[in-house]
PDB file of N, CA and C in Angstrom:
ATOM      1  N   UNK A   1      43.129 -95.791 103.680  1.00  0.00           N
ATOM      2  CA  UNK A   1      42.868 -95.266 102.481  1.00  0.00           C
ATOM      3  C   UNK A   1      41.924 -95.908 101.709  1.00  0.00           C
ATOM      4  N   UNK A   2      41.664 -97.196 101.902  1.00  0.00           N
ATOM      5  CA  UNK A   2      40.820 -98.092 101.097  1.00  0.00           C
ATOM      6  C   UNK A   2      39.363 -97.796 101.883  1.00  0.00           C
ATOM      7  N   UNK A   3      39.358 -97.311 103.088  1.00  0.00           N
ATOM      8  CA  UNK A   3      37.987 -97.045 103.606  1.00  0.00           C
ATOM      9  C   UNK A   3      36.914 -96.134 102.753  1.00  0.00           C
ATOM     10  N   UNK A   4      37.886 -95.064 102.383  1.00  0.00           N
ATOM     11  CA  UNK A   4      37.317 -94.041 101.842  1.00  0.00           C
ATOM     12  C   UNK A   4      36.715 -94.477 100.290  1.00  0.00           C
ATOM     13  N   UNK A   5      37.715 -95.267  99.967  1.00  0.00           N
ATOM     14  CA  UNK A   5      37.005 -95.596  98.461  1.00  0.00           C
ATOM     15  C   UNK A   5      36.155 -96.617  98.715  1.00  0.00           C
ATOM     16  N   UNK A   6      36.129 -97.318  99.596  1.00  0.00           N
ATOM     17  CA  UNK A   6      35.159 -98.532  99.599  1.00  0.00           C
ATOM     18  C   UNK A   6      33.625 -97.674 100.036  1.00  0.00           C
ATOM     19  N   UNK A   7      33.655 -96.576 100.404  1.00  0.00           N
ATOM     20  CA  UNK A   7      32.459 -95.540 100.961  1.00  0.00           C
ATOM     21  C   UNK A   7      32.027 -95.046  99.450  1.00  0.00           C
ATOM     22  N   UNK A   8      33.022 -94.755  98.525  1.00  0.00           N
ATOM     23  CA  UNK A   8      32.932 -93.947  97.346  1.00  0.00           C
ATOM     24  C   UNK A   8      32.194 -94.774  96.472  1.00  0.00           C
ATOM     25  N   UNK A   9      32.616 -96.331  96.610  1.00  0.00           N
ATOM     26  CA  UNK A   9      32.214 -97.236  95.677  1.00  0.00           C
ATOM     27  C   UNK A   9      30.583 -97.679  96.002  1.00  0.00           C
ATOM     28  N   UNK A  10      30.304 -97.560  97.350  1.00  0.00           N
ATOM     29  CA  UNK A  10      29.162 -98.127  97.883  1.00  0.00           C
ATOM     30  C   UNK A  10      27.985 -96.623  97.302  1.00  0.00           C
ATOM     31  N   UNK A  11      28.573 -95.831  97.224  1.00  0.00           N
ATOM     32  CA  UNK A  11      27.692 -94.410  96.974  1.00  0.00           C
ATOM     33  C   UNK A  11      27.423 -94.761  95.314  1.00  0.00           C
ATOM     34  N   UNK A  12      28.562 -94.549  94.362  1.00  0.00           N
ATOM     35  CA  UNK A  12      28.504 -94.790  93.349  1.00  0.00           C
ATOM     36  C   UNK A  12      27.500 -95.956  92.637  1.00  0.00           C
ATOM     37  N   UNK A  13      27.548 -97.073  93.505  1.00  0.00           N
ATOM     38  CA  UNK A  13      26.614 -98.311  93.192  1.00  0.00           C
ATOM     39  C   UNK A  13      25.348 -97.842  93.175  1.00  0.00           C
ATOM     40  N   UNK A  14      25.236 -96.980  94.168  1.00  0.00           N
ATOM     41  CA  UNK A  14      23.554 -96.634  94.872  1.00  0.00           C
ATOM     42  C   UNK A  14      23.138 -95.837  93.873  1.00  0.00           C
ATOM     43  N   UNK A  15      23.915 -94.627  93.306  1.00  0.00           N
ATOM     44  CA  UNK A  15      23.681 -93.751  92.297  1.00  0.00           C
ATOM     45  C   UNK A  15      23.260 -94.695  91.067  1.00  0.00           C
ATOM     46  N   UNK A  16      24.361 -95.559  90.622  1.00  0.00           N
ATOM     47  CA  UNK A  16      24.393 -95.844  89.637  1.00  0.00           C
ATOM     48  C   UNK A  16      24.785 -95.188  88.201  1.00  0.00           C
ATOM     49  N   UNK A  17      25.642 -94.230  88.527  1.00  0.00           N
ATOM     50  CA  UNK A  17      25.815 -92.942  87.609  1.00  0.00           C
ATOM     51  C   UNK A  17      27.184 -92.875  87.586  1.00  0.00           C
ATOM     52  N   UNK A  18      28.096 -92.961  88.691  1.00  0.00           N
ATOM     53  CA  UNK A  18      29.931 -92.986  88.393  1.00  0.00           C
ATOM     54  C   UNK A  18      30.229 -94.455  88.700  1.00  0.00           C
ATOM     55  N   UNK A  19      29.366 -95.357  88.725  1.00  0.00           N
ATOM     56  CA  UNK A  19      29.678 -96.933  88.697  1.00  0.00           C
ATOM     57  C   UNK A  19      30.734 -96.926  87.751  1.00  0.00           C
ATOM     58  N   UNK A  20      30.645 -96.674  86.696  1.00  0.00           N
ATOM     59  CA  UNK A  20      31.608 -97.018  85.478  1.00  0.00           C
ATOM     60  C   UNK A  20      32.783 -96.252  85.841  1.00  0.00           C
ATOM     61  N   UNK A  21      32.802 -95.062  86.015  1.00  0.00           N
ATOM     62  CA  UNK A  21      34.265 -94.313  86.568  1.00  0.00           C
ATOM     63  C   UNK A  21      35.000 -94.888  87.814  1.00  0.00           C
ATOM     64  N   UNK A  22      33.933 -95.314  88.710  1.00  0.00           N
ATOM     65  CA  UNK A  22      34.973 -96.084  90.160  1.00  0.00           C
ATOM     66  C   UNK A  22      35.272 -97.331  89.591  1.00  0.00           C
ATOM     67  N   UNK A  23      34.661 -98.030  88.905  1.00  0.00           N
ATOM     68  CA  UNK A  23      35.108 -99.466  88.254  1.00  0.00           C
ATOM     69  C   UNK A  23      36.574 -99.184  87.375  1.00  0.00           C
ATOM     70  N   UNK A  24      36.436 -98.265  86.517  1.00  0.00           N
ATOM     71  CA  UNK A  24      37.652 -97.922  85.680  1.00  0.00           C
ATOM     72  C   UNK A  24      39.022 -97.738  87.027  1.00  0.00           C
ATOM     73  N   UNK A  25      38.377 -96.796  87.802  1.00  0.00           N
ATOM     74  CA  UNK A  25      39.891 -96.749  88.774  1.00  0.00           C
ATOM     75  C   UNK A  25      40.171 -97.848  89.494  1.00  0.00           C
ATOM     76  N   UNK A  26      39.286 -98.714  89.668  1.00  0.00           N
ATOM     77  CA  UNK A  26      39.527 -99.898  90.773  1.00  0.00           C
ATOM     78  C   UNK A  26      40.330-100.647  89.761  1.00  0.00           C
ATOM     79  N   UNK A  27      40.038-100.789  88.400  1.00  0.00           N
ATOM     80  CA  UNK A  27      40.622-101.929  87.621  1.00  0.00           C
ATOM     81  C   UNK A  27      42.115-101.136  87.081  1.00  0.00           C
ATOM     82  N   UNK A  28      42.461-100.049  87.370  1.00  0.00           N
ATOM     83  CA  UNK A  28      43.650 -99.382  87.114  1.00  0.00           C
ATOM     84  C   UNK A  28      44.675 -99.636  87.998  1.00  0.00           C
ATOM     85  N   UNK A  29      44.282-100.046  89.289  1.00  0.00           N
ATOM     86  CA  UNK A  29      45.244-100.392  90.481  1.00  0.00           C
ATOM     87  C   UNK A  29      45.727-101.725  90.035  1.00  0.00           C
TER      88      UNK A  29
END
């Protein structure tokens, strides 16, 4: 399940739009 999150993180970083949301989820872990 980490691979899927990794891909989402890369997509968010490329878009630069949901990066904050993805970072928030990672910090929540």
